[in-house]
PDB file of N, CA and C in Angstrom:
ATOM      1  N   UNK A   1      70.321  79.290  91.454  1.00  0.00           N
ATOM      2  CA  UNK A   1      71.057  79.158  90.220  1.00  0.00           C
ATOM      3  C   UNK A   1      72.314  80.023  90.279  1.00  0.00           C
ATOM      4  N   UNK A   2      73.422  79.437  89.927  1.00  0.00           N
ATOM      5  CA  UNK A   2      74.694  80.127  90.031  1.00  0.00           C
ATOM      6  C   UNK A   2      74.940  80.997  88.797  1.00  0.00           C
ATOM      7  N   UNK A   3      75.333  82.246  89.017  1.00  0.00           N
ATOM      8  CA  UNK A   3      75.619  83.182  87.939  1.00  0.00           C
ATOM      9  C   UNK A   3      76.921  82.793  87.245  1.00  0.00           C
ATOM     10  N   UNK A   4      76.914  82.895  85.914  1.00  0.00           N
ATOM     11  CA  UNK A   4      78.124  82.579  85.160  1.00  0.00           C
ATOM     12  C   UNK A   4      79.172  83.651  85.436  1.00  0.00           C
ATOM     13  N   UNK A   5      80.361  83.206  85.790  1.00  0.00           N
ATOM     14  CA  UNK A   5      81.433  84.135  86.120  1.00  0.00           C
ATOM     15  C   UNK A   5      82.173  84.569  84.859  1.00  0.00           C
ATOM     16  N   UNK A   6      82.641  85.808  84.864  1.00  0.00           N
ATOM     17  CA  UNK A   6      83.489  86.240  83.765  1.00  0.00           C
ATOM     18  C   UNK A   6      84.935  85.870  84.090  1.00  0.00           C
ATOM     19  N   UNK A   7      85.811  86.087  83.135  1.00  0.00           N
ATOM     20  CA  UNK A   7      87.208  85.680  83.280  1.00  0.00           C
ATOM     21  C   UNK A   7      87.842  86.307  84.518  1.00  0.00           C
ATOM     22  N   UNK A   8      87.612  87.586  84.724  1.00  0.00           N
ATOM     23  CA  UNK A   8      88.239  88.284  85.850  1.00  0.00           C
ATOM     24  C   UNK A   8      87.766  87.742  87.192  1.00  0.00           C
ATOM     25  N   UNK A   9      86.483  87.389  87.267  1.00  0.00           N
ATOM     26  CA  UNK A   9      85.953  86.811  88.507  1.00  0.00           C
ATOM     27  C   UNK A   9      86.564  85.434  88.773  1.00  0.00           C
ATOM     28  N   UNK A  10      86.687  84.642  87.699  1.00  0.00           N
ATOM     29  CA  UNK A  10      87.293  83.318  87.867  1.00  0.00           C
ATOM     30  C   UNK A  10      88.757  83.436  88.281  1.00  0.00           C
ATOM     31  N   UNK A  11      89.464  84.389  87.706  1.00  0.00           N
ATOM     32  CA  UNK A  11      90.869  84.582  88.045  1.00  0.00           C
ATOM     33  C   UNK A  11      91.020  85.020  89.500  1.00  0.00           C
ATOM     34  N   UNK A  12      90.147  85.903  89.950  1.00  0.00           N
ATOM     35  CA  UNK A  12      90.173  86.341  91.352  1.00  0.00           C
ATOM     36  C   UNK A  12      89.905  85.159  92.286  1.00  0.00           C
ATOM     37  N   UNK A  13      88.958  84.310  91.900  1.00  0.00           N
ATOM     38  CA  UNK A  13      88.659  83.141  92.718  1.00  0.00           C
ATOM     39  C   UNK A  13      89.847  82.173  92.739  1.00  0.00           C
ATOM     40  N   UNK A  14      90.496  82.014  91.594  1.00  0.00           N
ATOM     41  CA  UNK A  14      91.694  81.169  91.551  1.00  0.00           C
ATOM     42  C   UNK A  14      92.774  81.697  92.485  1.00  0.00           C
ATOM     43  N   UNK A  15      92.982  83.002  92.486  1.00  0.00           N
ATOM     44  CA  UNK A  15      93.976  83.595  93.385  1.00  0.00           C
ATOM     45  C   UNK A  15      93.627  83.347  94.842  1.00  0.00           C
ATOM     46  N   UNK A  16      92.342  83.418  95.172  1.00  0.00           N
ATOM     47  CA  UNK A  16      91.905  83.144  96.547  1.00  0.00           C
ATOM     48  C   UNK A  16      92.158  81.671  96.903  1.00  0.00           C
ATOM     49  N   UNK A  17      91.918  80.793  95.950  1.00  0.00           N
ATOM     50  CA  UNK A  17      92.161  79.365  96.186  1.00  0.00           C
ATOM     51  C   UNK A  17      93.648  79.115  96.411  1.00  0.00           C
ATOM     52  N   UNK A  18      94.486  79.750  95.603  1.00  0.00           N
ATOM     53  CA  UNK A  18      95.936  79.589  95.762  1.00  0.00           C
ATOM     54  C   UNK A  18      96.373  80.061  97.149  1.00  0.00           C
ATOM     55  N   UNK A  19      95.801  81.173  97.590  1.00  0.00           N
ATOM     56  CA  UNK A  19      96.129  81.666  98.934  1.00  0.00           C
ATOM     57  C   UNK A  19      95.765  80.637 100.004  1.00  0.00           C
ATOM     58  N   UNK A  20      94.581  80.025  99.866  1.00  0.00           N
ATOM     59  CA  UNK A  20      94.153  79.021 100.844  1.00  0.00           C
ATOM     60  C   UNK A  20      95.050  77.785 100.783  1.00  0.00           C
ATOM     61  N   UNK A  21      95.424  77.390  99.562  1.00  0.00           N
ATOM     62  CA  UNK A  21      96.299  76.223  99.415  1.00  0.00           C
ATOM     63  C   UNK A  21      97.684  76.488  99.980  1.00  0.00           C
ATOM     64  N   UNK A  22      98.109  77.737  99.940  1.00  0.00           N
ATOM     65  CA  UNK A  22      99.430  78.104 100.448  1.00  0.00           C
ATOM     66  C   UNK A  22      99.473  78.147 101.972  1.00  0.00           C
ATOM     67  N   UNK A  23      98.301  78.213 102.581  1.00  0.00           N
ATOM     68  CA  UNK A  23      98.211  78.267 104.036  1.00  0.00           C
ATOM     69  C   UNK A  23      98.484  76.878 104.608  1.00  0.00           C
ATOM     70  N   UNK A  24      99.507  76.766 105.403  1.00  0.00           N
ATOM     71  CA  UNK A  24      99.887  75.472 105.985  1.00  0.00           C
ATOM     72  C   UNK A  24      98.830  74.940 106.951  1.00  0.00           C
ATOM     73  N   UNK A  25      97.923  75.788 107.377  1.00  0.00           N
ATOM     74  CA  UNK A  25      96.878  75.378 108.310  1.00  0.00           C
ATOM     75  C   UNK A  25      95.687  74.718 107.606  1.00  0.00           C
ATOM     76  N   UNK A  26      95.646  74.791 106.271  1.00  0.00           N
ATOM     77  CA  UNK A  26      94.528  74.202 105.537  1.00  0.00           C
ATOM     78  C   UNK A  26      94.632  72.678 105.593  1.00  0.00           C
ATOM     79  N   UNK A  27      93.597  72.018 106.091  1.00  0.00           N
ATOM     80  CA  UNK A  27      93.628  70.559 106.192  1.00  0.00           C
ATOM     81  C   UNK A  27      93.731  69.900 104.805  1.00  0.00           C
ATOM     82  N   UNK A  28      94.252  68.699 104.785  1.00  0.00           N
ATOM     83  CA  UNK A  28      94.472  67.985 103.535  1.00  0.00           C
ATOM     84  C   UNK A  28      93.182  67.824 102.739  1.00  0.00           C
ATOM     85  N   UNK A  29      92.124  67.408 103.388  1.00  0.00           N
ATOM     86  CA  UNK A  29      90.848  67.202 102.680  1.00  0.00           C
ATOM     87  C   UNK A  29      90.367  68.497 102.035  1.00  0.00           C
ATOM     88  N   UNK A  30      90.483  69.602 102.759  1.00  0.00           N
ATOM     89  CA  UNK A  30      90.112  70.905 102.204  1.00  0.00           C
ATOM     90  C   UNK A  30      91.014  71.258 101.026  1.00  0.00           C
ATOM     91  N   UNK A  31      92.293  70.954 101.159  1.00  0.00           N
ATOM     92  CA  UNK A  31      93.238  71.229 100.073  1.00  0.00           C
ATOM     93  C   UNK A  31      92.876  70.461  98.805  1.00  0.00           C
ATOM     94  N   UNK A  32      92.473  69.218  98.979  1.00  0.00           N
ATOM     95  CA  UNK A  32      92.069  68.410  97.821  1.00  0.00           C
ATOM     96  C   UNK A  32      90.831  68.988  97.143  1.00  0.00           C
ATOM     97  N   UNK A  33      89.870  69.421  97.952  1.00  0.00           N
ATOM     98  CA  UNK A  33      88.665  70.047  97.398  1.00  0.00           C
ATOM     99  C   UNK A  33      89.002  71.355  96.692  1.00  0.00           C
ATOM    100  N   UNK A  34      89.877  72.130  97.293  1.00  0.00           N
ATOM    101  CA  UNK A  34      90.303  73.385  96.677  1.00  0.00           C
ATOM    102  C   UNK A  34      91.041  73.138  95.362  1.00  0.00           C
ATOM    103  N   UNK A  35      91.862  72.100  95.363  1.00  0.00           N
ATOM    104  CA  UNK A  35      92.596  71.747  94.152  1.00  0.00           C
ATOM    105  C   UNK A  35      91.628  71.390  93.024  1.00  0.00           C
ATOM    106  N   UNK A  36      90.590  70.639  93.346  1.00  0.00           N
ATOM    107  CA  UNK A  36      89.582  70.264  92.348  1.00  0.00           C
ATOM    108  C   UNK A  36      88.853  71.503  91.827  1.00  0.00           C
ATOM    109  N   UNK A  37      88.524  72.427  92.728  1.00  0.00           N
ATOM    110  CA  UNK A  37      87.868  73.677  92.320  1.00  0.00           C
ATOM    111  C   UNK A  37      88.784  74.476  91.404  1.00  0.00           C
ATOM    112  N   UNK A  38      90.053  74.520  91.759  1.00  0.00           N
ATOM    113  CA  UNK A  38      91.021  75.265  90.950  1.00  0.00           C
ATOM    114  C   UNK A  38      91.138  74.655  89.560  1.00  0.00           C
ATOM    115  N   UNK A  39      91.158  73.332  89.473  1.00  0.00           N
ATOM    116  CA  UNK A  39      91.261  72.662  88.175  1.00  0.00           C
ATOM    117  C   UNK A  39      90.067  73.016  87.294  1.00  0.00           C
ATOM    118  N   UNK A  40      88.873  73.079  87.880  1.00  0.00           N
ATOM    119  CA  UNK A  40      87.676  73.468  87.129  1.00  0.00           C
ATOM    120  C   UNK A  40      87.777  74.914  86.649  1.00  0.00           C
ATOM    121  N   UNK A  41      88.245  75.798  87.516  1.00  0.00           N
ATOM    122  CA  UNK A  41      88.382  77.210  87.139  1.00  0.00           C
ATOM    123  C   UNK A  41      89.431  77.386  86.044  1.00  0.00           C
ATOM    124  N   UNK A  42      90.517  76.653  86.150  1.00  0.00           N
ATOM    125  CA  UNK A  42      91.574  76.740  85.140  1.00  0.00           C
ATOM    126  C   UNK A  42      91.034  76.289  83.785  1.00  0.00           C
ATOM    127  N   UNK A  43      90.284  75.201  83.769  1.00  0.00           N
ATOM    128  CA  UNK A  43      89.705  74.712  82.518  1.00  0.00           C
ATOM    129  C   UNK A  43      88.745  75.749  81.933  1.00  0.00           C
ATOM    130  N   UNK A  44      87.940  76.351  82.781  1.00  0.00           N
ATOM    131  CA  UNK A  44      87.003  77.370  82.313  1.00  0.00           C
ATOM    132  C   UNK A  44      87.749  78.597  81.780  1.00  0.00           C
ATOM    133  N   UNK A  45      88.816  79.002  82.458  1.00  0.00           N
ATOM    134  CA  UNK A  45      89.623  80.137  82.003  1.00  0.00           C
ATOM    135  C   UNK A  45      90.272  79.838  80.657  1.00  0.00           C
ATOM    136  N   UNK A  46      90.762  78.626  80.498  1.00  0.00           N
ATOM    137  CA  UNK A  46      91.375  78.235  79.223  1.00  0.00           C
ATOM    138  C   UNK A  46      90.355  78.302  78.093  1.00  0.00           C
ATOM    139  N   UNK A  47      89.130  77.893  78.364  1.00  0.00           N
ATOM    140  CA  UNK A  47      88.077  77.964  77.355  1.00  0.00           C
ATOM    141  C   UNK A  47      87.805  79.411  76.970  1.00  0.00           C
ATOM    142  N   UNK A  48      87.701  80.271  77.966  1.00  0.00           N
ATOM    143  CA  UNK A  48      87.459  81.695  77.694  1.00  0.00           C
ATOM    144  C   UNK A  48      88.605  82.278  76.865  1.00  0.00           C
ATOM    145  N   UNK A  49      89.835  81.947  77.228  1.00  0.00           N
ATOM    146  CA  UNK A  49      90.992  82.460  76.494  1.00  0.00           C
ATOM    147  C   UNK A  49      91.043  81.916  75.063  1.00  0.00           C
ATOM    148  N   UNK A  50      90.702  80.652  74.890  1.00  0.00           N
ATOM    149  CA  UNK A  50      90.686  80.067  73.543  1.00  0.00           C
ATOM    150  C   UNK A  50      89.626  80.750  72.680  1.00  0.00           C
ATOM    151  N   UNK A  51      88.465  81.020  73.259  1.00  0.00           N
ATOM    152  CA  UNK A  51      87.413  81.727  72.528  1.00  0.00           C
ATOM    153  C   UNK A  51      87.829  83.150  72.188  1.00  0.00           C
ATOM    154  N   UNK A  52      88.514  83.794  73.094  1.00  0.00           N
ATOM    155  CA  UNK A  52      89.004  85.144  72.832  1.00  0.00           C
ATOM    156  C   UNK A  52      90.023  85.127  71.693  1.00  0.00           C
ATOM    157  N   UNK A  53      90.887  84.133  71.701  1.00  0.00           N
ATOM    158  CA  UNK A  53      91.890  84.014  70.638  1.00  0.00           C
ATOM    159  C   UNK A  53      91.209  83.813  69.281  1.00  0.00           C
ATOM    160  N   UNK A  54      90.168  83.003  69.232  1.00  0.00           N
ATOM    161  CA  UNK A  54      89.421  82.804  67.990  1.00  0.00           C
ATOM    162  C   UNK A  54      88.781  84.097  67.507  1.00  0.00           C
ATOM    163  N   UNK A  55      88.223  84.847  68.436  1.00  0.00           N
ATOM    164  CA  UNK A  55      87.608  86.128  68.061  1.00  0.00           C
ATOM    165  C   UNK A  55      88.641  87.089  67.504  1.00  0.00           C
ATOM    166  N   UNK A  56      89.824  87.131  68.123  1.00  0.00           N
ATOM    167  CA  UNK A  56      90.900  88.004  67.640  1.00  0.00           C
ATOM    168  C   UNK A  56      91.319  87.594  66.232  1.00  0.00           C
ATOM    169  N   UNK A  57      91.456  86.289  66.002  1.00  0.00           N
ATOM    170  CA  UNK A  57      91.824  85.809  64.670  1.00  0.00           C
ATOM    171  C   UNK A  57      90.768  86.194  63.637  1.00  0.00           C
ATOM    172  N   UNK A  58      89.490  86.076  64.000  1.00  0.00           N
ATOM    173  CA  UNK A  58      88.414  86.456  63.091  1.00  0.00           C
ATOM    174  C   UNK A  58      88.473  87.948  62.771  1.00  0.00           C
ATOM    175  N   UNK A  59      88.714  88.760  63.776  1.00  0.00           N
ATOM    176  CA  UNK A  59      88.817  90.205  63.572  1.00  0.00           C
ATOM    177  C   UNK A  59      89.980  90.529  62.652  1.00  0.00           C
ATOM    178  N   UNK A  60      91.125  89.893  62.890  1.00  0.00           N
ATOM    179  CA  UNK A  60      92.304  90.138  62.065  1.00  0.00           C
ATOM    180  C   UNK A  60      92.068  89.707  60.623  1.00  0.00           C
ATOM    181  N   UNK A  61      91.380  88.580  60.431  1.00  0.00           N
ATOM    182  CA  UNK A  61      91.069  88.135  59.076  1.00  0.00           C
ATOM    183  C   UNK A  61      90.150  89.125  58.373  1.00  0.00           C
ATOM    184  N   UNK A  62      89.151  89.609  59.082  1.00  0.00           N
ATOM    185  CA  UNK A  62      88.228  90.592  58.511  1.00  0.00           C
ATOM    186  C   UNK A  62      88.963  91.868  58.155  1.00  0.00           C
ATOM    187  N   UNK A  63      89.859  92.302  59.031  1.00  0.00           N
ATOM    188  CA  UNK A  63      90.632  93.514  58.760  1.00  0.00           C
ATOM    189  C   UNK A  63      91.520  93.320  57.531  1.00  0.00           C
ATOM    190  N   UNK A  64      92.144  92.148  57.418  1.00  0.00           N
ATOM    191  CA  UNK A  64      93.013  91.867  56.277  1.00  0.00           C
ATOM    192  C   UNK A  64      92.203  91.820  54.985  1.00  0.00           C
ATOM    193  N   UNK A  65      91.023  91.216  55.030  1.00  0.00           N
ATOM    194  CA  UNK A  65      90.169  91.153  53.846  1.00  0.00           C
ATOM    195  C   UNK A  65      89.701  92.541  53.444  1.00  0.00           C
ATOM    196  N   UNK A  66      89.355  93.364  54.417  1.00  0.00           N
ATOM    197  CA  UNK A  66      88.918  94.724  54.131  1.00  0.00           C
ATOM    198  C   UNK A  66      90.070  95.541  53.548  1.00  0.00           C
ATOM    199  N   UNK A  67      91.268  95.338  54.052  1.00  0.00           N
ATOM    200  CA  UNK A  67      92.427  96.067  53.540  1.00  0.00           C
ATOM    201  C   UNK A  67      92.717  95.648  52.103  1.00  0.00           C
ATOM    202  N   UNK A  68      92.615  94.355  51.818  1.00  0.00           N
ATOM    203  CA  UNK A  68      92.841  93.875  50.462  1.00  0.00           C
ATOM    204  C   UNK A  68      91.783  94.400  49.517  1.00  0.00           C
ATOM    205  N   UNK A  69      90.547  94.417  49.952  1.00  0.00           N
ATOM    206  CA  UNK A  69      89.444  94.933  49.126  1.00  0.00           C
ATOM    207  C   UNK A  69      89.589  96.399  48.845  1.00  0.00           C
ATOM    208  N   UNK A  70      90.078  97.142  49.818  1.00  0.00           N
ATOM    209  CA  UNK A  70      90.276  98.587  49.649  1.00  0.00           C
ATOM    210  C   UNK A  70      91.391  98.898  48.675  1.00  0.00           C
ATOM    211  N   UNK A  71      92.417  98.062  48.620  1.00  0.00           N
ATOM    212  CA  UNK A  71      93.529  98.284  47.706  1.00  0.00           C
ATOM    213  C   UNK A  71      93.122  98.033  46.271  1.00  0.00           C
ATOM    214  N   UNK A  72      92.222  97.092  46.038  1.00  0.00           N
ATOM    215  CA  UNK A  72      91.790  96.750  44.689  1.00  0.00           C
ATOM    216  C   UNK A  72      90.888  97.811  44.079  1.00  0.00           C
ATOM    217  N   UNK A  73      90.249  98.621  44.917  1.00  0.00           N
ATOM    218  CA  UNK A  73      89.318  99.628  44.420  1.00  0.00           C
ATOM    219  C   UNK A  73      90.035 100.860  43.903  1.00  0.00           C
ATOM    220  N   UNK A  74      91.282 101.052  44.203  1.00  0.00           N
ATOM    221  CA  UNK A  74      92.007 102.261  43.795  1.00  0.00           C
ATOM    222  C   UNK A  74      92.351 102.250  42.351  1.00  0.00           C
TER     223      UNK A  74
END
């Protein structure tokens, strides 16, 4: 069973894939497979980033609500 990678691990793997794709010695078939792997990693990274953005928005909303509530109590 494959362990779920965190964002930093996926980004490191993407960088390794880019290095392999940049190598002129990489055969075309391997390049196509690497490209497909990279596309999957990019999609997964985008999901992680979108979830992080949602969490940040939730935190900011909570902070704004708490600030508004604190002002009304004075």
